[in-house]
Amino acid sequence: MIEFDLETHPFIELNKLLKILNFVESGGEANYVISEGLVIVNSLVETQKRKKLRVGDVVVFENQKIILV
């Protein structure tokens, strides 16, 4: 499990989160894995590439669980 601190930001977009955490090598790859339904947000398959994630959201990708704090 990984805790990702939003610090003073109100949200982060899903594709940017995957890239920042180095789960993907590029924004294009992030968009691809999201559009293919490989990312789960709050127990649901998420296909919105720029989905705004906020404190308390839980993201699962490739058996990695990320909690936004």
PDB file of N, CA and C in Angstrom:
ATOM      1  N   MET A   1       0.842  -1.189   0.000  1.00  0.00           N
ATOM      2  CA  MET A   1       0.000   0.000   0.000  1.00  0.00           C
ATOM      3  C   MET A   1       0.883   1.247   0.000  1.00  0.00           C
ATOM      4  N   ILE A   2       0.497   2.202  -0.806  1.00  0.00           N
ATOM      5  CA  ILE A   2       1.219   3.459  -0.927  1.00  0.00           C
ATOM      6  C   ILE A   2       0.287   4.592  -0.513  1.00  0.00           C
ATOM      7  N   GLU A   3       0.793   5.493   0.313  1.00  0.00           N
ATOM      8  CA  GLU A   3       0.037   6.696   0.646  1.00  0.00           C
ATOM      9  C   GLU A   3       0.598   7.838  -0.176  1.00  0.00           C
ATOM     10  N   PHE A   4      -0.271   8.513  -0.916  1.00  0.00           N
ATOM     11  CA  PHE A   4       0.151   9.647  -1.733  1.00  0.00           C
ATOM     12  C   PHE A   4      -0.423  10.909  -1.118  1.00  0.00           C
ATOM     13  N   ASP A   5       0.460  11.803  -0.700  1.00  0.00           N
ATOM     14  CA  ASP A   5       0.052  13.030  -0.025  1.00  0.00           C
ATOM     15  C   ASP A   5      -0.215  14.133  -1.051  1.00  0.00           C
ATOM     16  N   LEU A   6      -1.440  14.621  -1.062  1.00  0.00           N
ATOM     17  CA  LEU A   6      -1.802  15.701  -1.979  1.00  0.00           C
ATOM     18  C   LEU A   6      -1.250  17.044  -1.517  1.00  0.00           C
ATOM     19  N   GLU A   7      -0.717  17.090  -0.303  1.00  0.00           N
ATOM     20  CA  GLU A   7      -0.184  18.312   0.282  1.00  0.00           C
ATOM     21  C   GLU A   7      -1.246  19.400   0.247  1.00  0.00           C
ATOM     22  N   THR A   8      -0.997  20.501  -0.406  1.00  0.00           N
ATOM     23  CA  THR A   8      -1.954  21.610  -0.411  1.00  0.00           C
ATOM     24  C   THR A   8      -2.857  21.609  -1.636  1.00  0.00           C
ATOM     25  N   HIS A   9      -2.700  20.620  -2.516  1.00  0.00           N
ATOM     26  CA  HIS A   9      -3.509  20.574  -3.736  1.00  0.00           C
ATOM     27  C   HIS A   9      -4.861  19.920  -3.447  1.00  0.00           C
ATOM     28  N   PRO A  10      -5.932  20.434  -4.047  1.00  0.00           N
ATOM     29  CA  PRO A  10      -7.256  19.847  -3.801  1.00  0.00           C
ATOM     30  C   PRO A  10      -7.466  18.501  -4.504  1.00  0.00           C
ATOM     31  N   PHE A  11      -6.716  18.255  -5.594  1.00  0.00           N
ATOM     32  CA  PHE A  11      -6.886  17.011  -6.343  1.00  0.00           C
ATOM     33  C   PHE A  11      -5.666  16.763  -7.219  1.00  0.00           C
ATOM     34  N   ILE A  12      -5.606  15.536  -7.779  1.00  0.00           N
ATOM     35  CA  ILE A  12      -4.632  15.189  -8.819  1.00  0.00           C
ATOM     36  C   ILE A  12      -5.377  14.365  -9.856  1.00  0.00           C
ATOM     37  N   GLU A  13      -5.030  14.529 -11.111  1.00  0.00           N
ATOM     38  CA  GLU A  13      -5.676  13.761 -12.173  1.00  0.00           C
ATOM     39  C   GLU A  13      -5.085  12.352 -12.208  1.00  0.00           C
ATOM     40  N   LEU A  14      -5.922  11.377 -12.495  1.00  0.00           N
ATOM     41  CA  LEU A  14      -5.538   9.968 -12.463  1.00  0.00           C
ATOM     42  C   LEU A  14      -4.319   9.675 -13.327  1.00  0.00           C
ATOM     43  N   ASN A  15      -4.303  10.151 -14.572  1.00  0.00           N
ATOM     44  CA  ASN A  15      -3.168   9.848 -15.450  1.00  0.00           C
ATOM     45  C   ASN A  15      -1.870  10.446 -14.911  1.00  0.00           C
ATOM     46  N   LYS A  16      -1.950  11.607 -14.287  1.00  0.00           N
ATOM     47  CA  LYS A  16      -0.750  12.222 -13.710  1.00  0.00           C
ATOM     48  C   LYS A  16      -0.259  11.436 -12.493  1.00  0.00           C
ATOM     49  N   LEU A  17      -1.175  10.919 -11.705  1.00  0.00           N
ATOM     50  CA  LEU A  17      -0.791  10.120 -10.539  1.00  0.00           C
ATOM     51  C   LEU A  17       0.007   8.892 -10.965  1.00  0.00           C
ATOM     52  N   LEU A  18      -0.478   8.177 -11.968  1.00  0.00           N
ATOM     53  CA  LEU A  18       0.227   6.978 -12.437  1.00  0.00           C
ATOM     54  C   LEU A  18       1.630   7.324 -12.931  1.00  0.00           C
ATOM     55  N   LYS A  19       1.757   8.452 -13.583  1.00  0.00           N
ATOM     56  CA  LYS A  19       3.066   8.858 -14.101  1.00  0.00           C
ATOM     57  C   LYS A  19       3.999   9.293 -12.968  1.00  0.00           C
ATOM     58  N   ILE A  20       3.506  10.087 -12.037  1.00  0.00           N
ATOM     59  CA  ILE A  20       4.322  10.561 -10.914  1.00  0.00           C
ATOM     60  C   ILE A  20       4.859   9.391 -10.094  1.00  0.00           C
ATOM     61  N   LEU A  21       4.035   8.359  -9.922  1.00  0.00           N
ATOM     62  CA  LEU A  21       4.448   7.203  -9.129  1.00  0.00           C
ATOM     63  C   LEU A  21       5.287   6.210  -9.946  1.00  0.00           C
ATOM     64  N   ASN A  22       5.573   6.549 -11.195  1.00  0.00           N
ATOM     65  CA  ASN A  22       6.383   5.709 -12.085  1.00  0.00           C
ATOM     66  C   ASN A  22       5.776   4.333 -12.350  1.00  0.00           C
ATOM     67  N   PHE A  23       4.445   4.238 -12.324  1.00  0.00           N
ATOM     68  CA  PHE A  23       3.775   2.998 -12.708  1.00  0.00           C
ATOM     69  C   PHE A  23       3.752   2.861 -14.223  1.00  0.00           C
ATOM     70  N   VAL A  24       3.886   3.987 -14.916  1.00  0.00           N
ATOM     71  CA  VAL A  24       3.946   4.027 -16.378  1.00  0.00           C
ATOM     72  C   VAL A  24       5.095   4.939 -16.776  1.00  0.00           C
ATOM     73  N   GLU A  25       5.556   4.797 -18.022  1.00  0.00           N
ATOM     74  CA  GLU A  25       6.700   5.587 -18.465  1.00  0.00           C
ATOM     75  C   GLU A  25       6.322   6.911 -19.110  1.00  0.00           C
ATOM     76  N   SER A  26       5.053   7.025 -19.522  1.00  0.00           N
ATOM     77  CA  SER A  26       4.651   8.261 -20.198  1.00  0.00           C
ATOM     78  C   SER A  26       3.176   8.536 -19.957  1.00  0.00           C
ATOM     79  N   GLY A  27       2.775   9.762 -20.287  1.00  0.00           N
ATOM     80  CA  GLY A  27       1.373  10.120 -20.200  1.00  0.00           C
ATOM     81  C   GLY A  27       0.525   9.308 -21.162  1.00  0.00           C
ATOM     82  N   GLY A  28       1.086   9.012 -22.321  1.00  0.00           N
ATOM     83  CA  GLY A  28       0.364   8.197 -23.299  1.00  0.00           C
ATOM     84  C   GLY A  28       0.108   6.796 -22.785  1.00  0.00           C
ATOM     85  N   GLU A  29       1.099   6.222 -22.118  1.00  0.00           N
ATOM     86  CA  GLU A  29       0.918   4.889 -21.536  1.00  0.00           C
ATOM     87  C   GLU A  29      -0.115   4.932 -20.414  1.00  0.00           C
ATOM     88  N   ALA A  30      -0.089   6.002 -19.617  1.00  0.00           N
ATOM     89  CA  ALA A  30      -1.088   6.158 -18.553  1.00  0.00           C
ATOM     90  C   ALA A  30      -2.487   6.198 -19.150  1.00  0.00           C
ATOM     91  N   ASN A  31      -2.654   6.995 -20.192  1.00  0.00           N
ATOM     92  CA  ASN A  31      -3.966   7.096 -20.841  1.00  0.00           C
ATOM     93  C   ASN A  31      -4.406   5.751 -21.410  1.00  0.00           C
ATOM     94  N   TYR A  32      -3.473   4.994 -21.944  1.00  0.00           N
ATOM     95  CA  TYR A  32      -3.793   3.689 -22.519  1.00  0.00           C
ATOM     96  C   TYR A  32      -4.291   2.718 -21.448  1.00  0.00           C
ATOM     97  N   VAL A  33      -3.552   2.579 -20.342  1.00  0.00           N
ATOM     98  CA  VAL A  33      -3.960   1.608 -19.318  1.00  0.00           C
ATOM     99  C   VAL A  33      -5.288   2.000 -18.681  1.00  0.00           C
ATOM    100  N   ILE A  34      -5.533   3.312 -18.585  1.00  0.00           N
ATOM    101  CA  ILE A  34      -6.820   3.760 -18.037  1.00  0.00           C
ATOM    102  C   ILE A  34      -7.946   3.428 -19.021  1.00  0.00           C
ATOM    103  N   SER A  35      -7.757   3.761 -20.294  1.00  0.00           N
ATOM    104  CA  SER A  35      -8.809   3.515 -21.286  1.00  0.00           C
ATOM    105  C   SER A  35      -9.084   2.028 -21.485  1.00  0.00           C
ATOM    106  N   GLU A  36      -8.095   1.181 -21.200  1.00  0.00           N
ATOM    107  CA  GLU A  36      -8.278  -0.270 -21.312  1.00  0.00           C
ATOM    108  C   GLU A  36      -8.951  -0.875 -20.078  1.00  0.00           C
ATOM    109  N   GLY A  37      -9.274  -0.061 -19.091  1.00  0.00           N
ATOM    110  CA  GLY A  37      -9.977  -0.554 -17.908  1.00  0.00           C
ATOM    111  C   GLY A  37      -9.082  -1.273 -16.914  1.00  0.00           C
ATOM    112  N   LEU A  38      -7.796  -0.936 -16.903  1.00  0.00           N
ATOM    113  CA  LEU A  38      -6.850  -1.622 -16.021  1.00  0.00           C
ATOM    114  C   LEU A  38      -6.658  -0.920 -14.680  1.00  0.00           C
ATOM    115  N   VAL A  39      -7.386   0.175 -14.460  1.00  0.00           N
ATOM    116  CA  VAL A  39      -7.240   0.945 -13.228  1.00  0.00           C
ATOM    117  C   VAL A  39      -8.573   0.961 -12.486  1.00  0.00           C
ATOM    118  N   ILE A  40      -8.508   0.709 -11.192  1.00  0.00           N
ATOM    119  CA  ILE A  40      -9.692   0.708 -10.335  1.00  0.00           C
ATOM    120  C   ILE A  40      -9.613   1.922  -9.408  1.00  0.00           C
ATOM    121  N   VAL A  41     -10.712   2.666  -9.317  1.00  0.00           N
ATOM    122  CA  VAL A  41     -10.792   3.798  -8.385  1.00  0.00           C
ATOM    123  C   VAL A  41     -12.019   3.578  -7.508  1.00  0.00           C
ATOM    124  N   ASN A  42     -11.785   3.520  -6.218  1.00  0.00           N
ATOM    125  CA  ASN A  42     -12.881   3.326  -5.255  1.00  0.00           C
ATOM    126  C   ASN A  42     -13.745   2.112  -5.623  1.00  0.00           C
ATOM    127  N   SER A  43     -13.072   1.008  -5.948  1.00  0.00           N
ATOM    128  CA  SER A  43     -13.693  -0.293  -6.236  1.00  0.00           C
ATOM    129  C   SER A  43     -14.419  -0.374  -7.583  1.00  0.00           C
ATOM    130  N   LEU A  44     -14.281   0.634  -8.431  1.00  0.00           N
ATOM    131  CA  LEU A  44     -14.920   0.620  -9.751  1.00  0.00           C
ATOM    132  C   LEU A  44     -13.877   0.824 -10.844  1.00  0.00           C
ATOM    133  N   VAL A  45     -14.057   0.154 -11.979  1.00  0.00           N
ATOM    134  CA  VAL A  45     -13.164   0.370 -13.121  1.00  0.00           C
ATOM    135  C   VAL A  45     -13.325   1.826 -13.560  1.00  0.00           C
ATOM    136  N   GLU A  46     -12.201   2.504 -13.717  1.00  0.00           N
ATOM    137  CA  GLU A  46     -12.233   3.922 -14.104  1.00  0.00           C
ATOM    138  C   GLU A  46     -11.621   4.091 -15.487  1.00  0.00           C
ATOM    139  N   THR A  47     -12.361   4.738 -16.389  1.00  0.00           N
ATOM    140  CA  THR A  47     -11.856   4.962 -17.741  1.00  0.00           C
ATOM    141  C   THR A  47     -11.674   6.450 -18.055  1.00  0.00           C
ATOM    142  N   GLN A  48     -11.945   7.303 -17.102  1.00  0.00           N
ATOM    143  CA  GLN A  48     -11.709   8.741 -17.295  1.00  0.00           C
ATOM    144  C   GLN A  48     -10.232   9.030 -17.053  1.00  0.00           C
ATOM    145  N   LYS A  49      -9.534   9.398 -18.087  1.00  0.00           N
ATOM    146  CA  LYS A  49      -8.089   9.606 -17.984  1.00  0.00           C
ATOM    147  C   LYS A  49      -7.740  10.733 -17.025  1.00  0.00           C
ATOM    148  N   ARG A  50      -8.538  11.778 -17.022  1.00  0.00           N
ATOM    149  CA  ARG A  50      -8.247  12.945 -16.191  1.00  0.00           C
ATOM    150  C   ARG A  50      -9.164  13.015 -14.974  1.00  0.00           C
ATOM    151  N   LYS A  51      -9.611  11.854 -14.510  1.00  0.00           N
ATOM    152  CA  LYS A  51     -10.461  11.779 -13.317  1.00  0.00           C
ATOM    153  C   LYS A  51      -9.766  12.501 -12.162  1.00  0.00           C
ATOM    154  N   LYS A  52     -10.477  13.399 -11.518  1.00  0.00           N
ATOM    155  CA  LYS A  52      -9.913  14.141 -10.392  1.00  0.00           C
ATOM    156  C   LYS A  52      -9.994  13.284  -9.134  1.00  0.00           C
ATOM    157  N   LEU A  53      -8.833  13.010  -8.566  1.00  0.00           N
ATOM    158  CA  LEU A  53      -8.753  12.213  -7.350  1.00  0.00           C
ATOM    159  C   LEU A  53      -8.536  13.143  -6.174  1.00  0.00           C
ATOM    160  N   ARG A  54      -9.228  12.839  -5.079  1.00  0.00           N
ATOM    161  CA  ARG A  54      -9.160  13.683  -3.890  1.00  0.00           C
ATOM    162  C   ARG A  54      -8.807  12.843  -2.667  1.00  0.00           C
ATOM    163  N   VAL A  55      -8.547  13.526  -1.560  1.00  0.00           N
ATOM    164  CA  VAL A  55      -8.207  12.835  -0.311  1.00  0.00           C
ATOM    165  C   VAL A  55      -9.264  11.775  -0.013  1.00  0.00           C
ATOM    166  N   GLY A  56      -8.805  10.574   0.317  1.00  0.00           N
ATOM    167  CA  GLY A  56      -9.707   9.469   0.645  1.00  0.00           C
ATOM    168  C   GLY A  56      -9.942   8.505  -0.502  1.00  0.00           C
ATOM    169  N   ASP A  57      -9.642   8.928  -1.733  1.00  0.00           N
ATOM    170  CA  ASP A  57      -9.807   8.032  -2.877  1.00  0.00           C
ATOM    171  C   ASP A  57      -8.768   6.914  -2.819  1.00  0.00           C
ATOM    172  N   VAL A  58      -9.151   5.743  -3.331  1.00  0.00           N
ATOM    173  CA  VAL A  58      -8.265   4.580  -3.354  1.00  0.00           C
ATOM    174  C   VAL A  58      -8.134   4.115  -4.803  1.00  0.00           C
ATOM    175  N   VAL A  59      -6.896   4.002  -5.266  1.00  0.00           N
ATOM    176  CA  VAL A  59      -6.600   3.588  -6.636  1.00  0.00           C
ATOM    177  C   VAL A  59      -5.869   2.255  -6.577  1.00  0.00           C
ATOM    178  N   VAL A  60      -6.262   1.319  -7.447  1.00  0.00           N
ATOM    179  CA  VAL A  60      -5.567   0.039  -7.549  1.00  0.00           C
ATOM    180  C   VAL A  60      -5.118  -0.136  -8.996  1.00  0.00           C
ATOM    181  N   PHE A  61      -3.824  -0.427  -9.147  1.00  0.00           N
ATOM    182  CA  PHE A  61      -3.246  -0.667 -10.475  1.00  0.00           C
ATOM    183  C   PHE A  61      -2.133  -1.690 -10.322  1.00  0.00           C
ATOM    184  N   GLU A  62      -2.214  -2.770 -11.094  1.00  0.00           N
ATOM    185  CA  GLU A  62      -1.218  -3.839 -11.065  1.00  0.00           C
ATOM    186  C   GLU A  62      -0.881  -4.297  -9.638  1.00  0.00           C
ATOM    187  N   ASN A  63      -1.926  -4.611  -8.890  1.00  0.00           N
ATOM    188  CA  ASN A  63      -1.804  -5.113  -7.511  1.00  0.00           C
ATOM    189  C   ASN A  63      -1.172  -4.117  -6.556  1.00  0.00           C
ATOM    190  N   GLN A  64      -1.083  -2.859  -6.945  1.00  0.00           N
ATOM    191  CA  GLN A  64      -0.613  -1.792  -6.060  1.00  0.00           C
ATOM    192  C   GLN A  64      -1.819  -0.971  -5.627  1.00  0.00           C
ATOM    193  N   LYS A  65      -1.910  -0.723  -4.334  1.00  0.00           N
ATOM    194  CA  LYS A  65      -3.014   0.060  -3.796  1.00  0.00           C
ATOM    195  C   LYS A  65      -2.473   1.422  -3.353  1.00  0.00           C
ATOM    196  N   ILE A  66      -3.074   2.483  -3.865  1.00  0.00           N
ATOM    197  CA  ILE A  66      -2.652   3.842  -3.532  1.00  0.00           C
ATOM    198  C   ILE A  66      -3.809   4.532  -2.829  1.00  0.00           C
ATOM    199  N   ILE A  67      -3.526   5.091  -1.669  1.00  0.00           N
ATOM    200  CA  ILE A  67      -4.533   5.851  -0.923  1.00  0.00           C
ATOM    201  C   ILE A  67      -4.102   7.307  -0.913  1.00  0.00           C
ATOM    202  N   LEU A  68      -5.016   8.184  -1.301  1.00  0.00           N
ATOM    203  CA  LEU A  68      -4.697   9.603  -1.307  1.00  0.00           C
ATOM    204  C   LEU A  68      -4.978  10.197   0.066  1.00  0.00           C
ATOM    205  N   VAL A  69      -3.974  10.847   0.612  1.00  0.00           N
ATOM    206  CA  VAL A  69      -4.094  11.443   1.948  1.00  0.00           C
ATOM    207  C   VAL A  69      -3.840  12.933   1.886  1.00  0.00           C
TER     208      VAL A  69
END
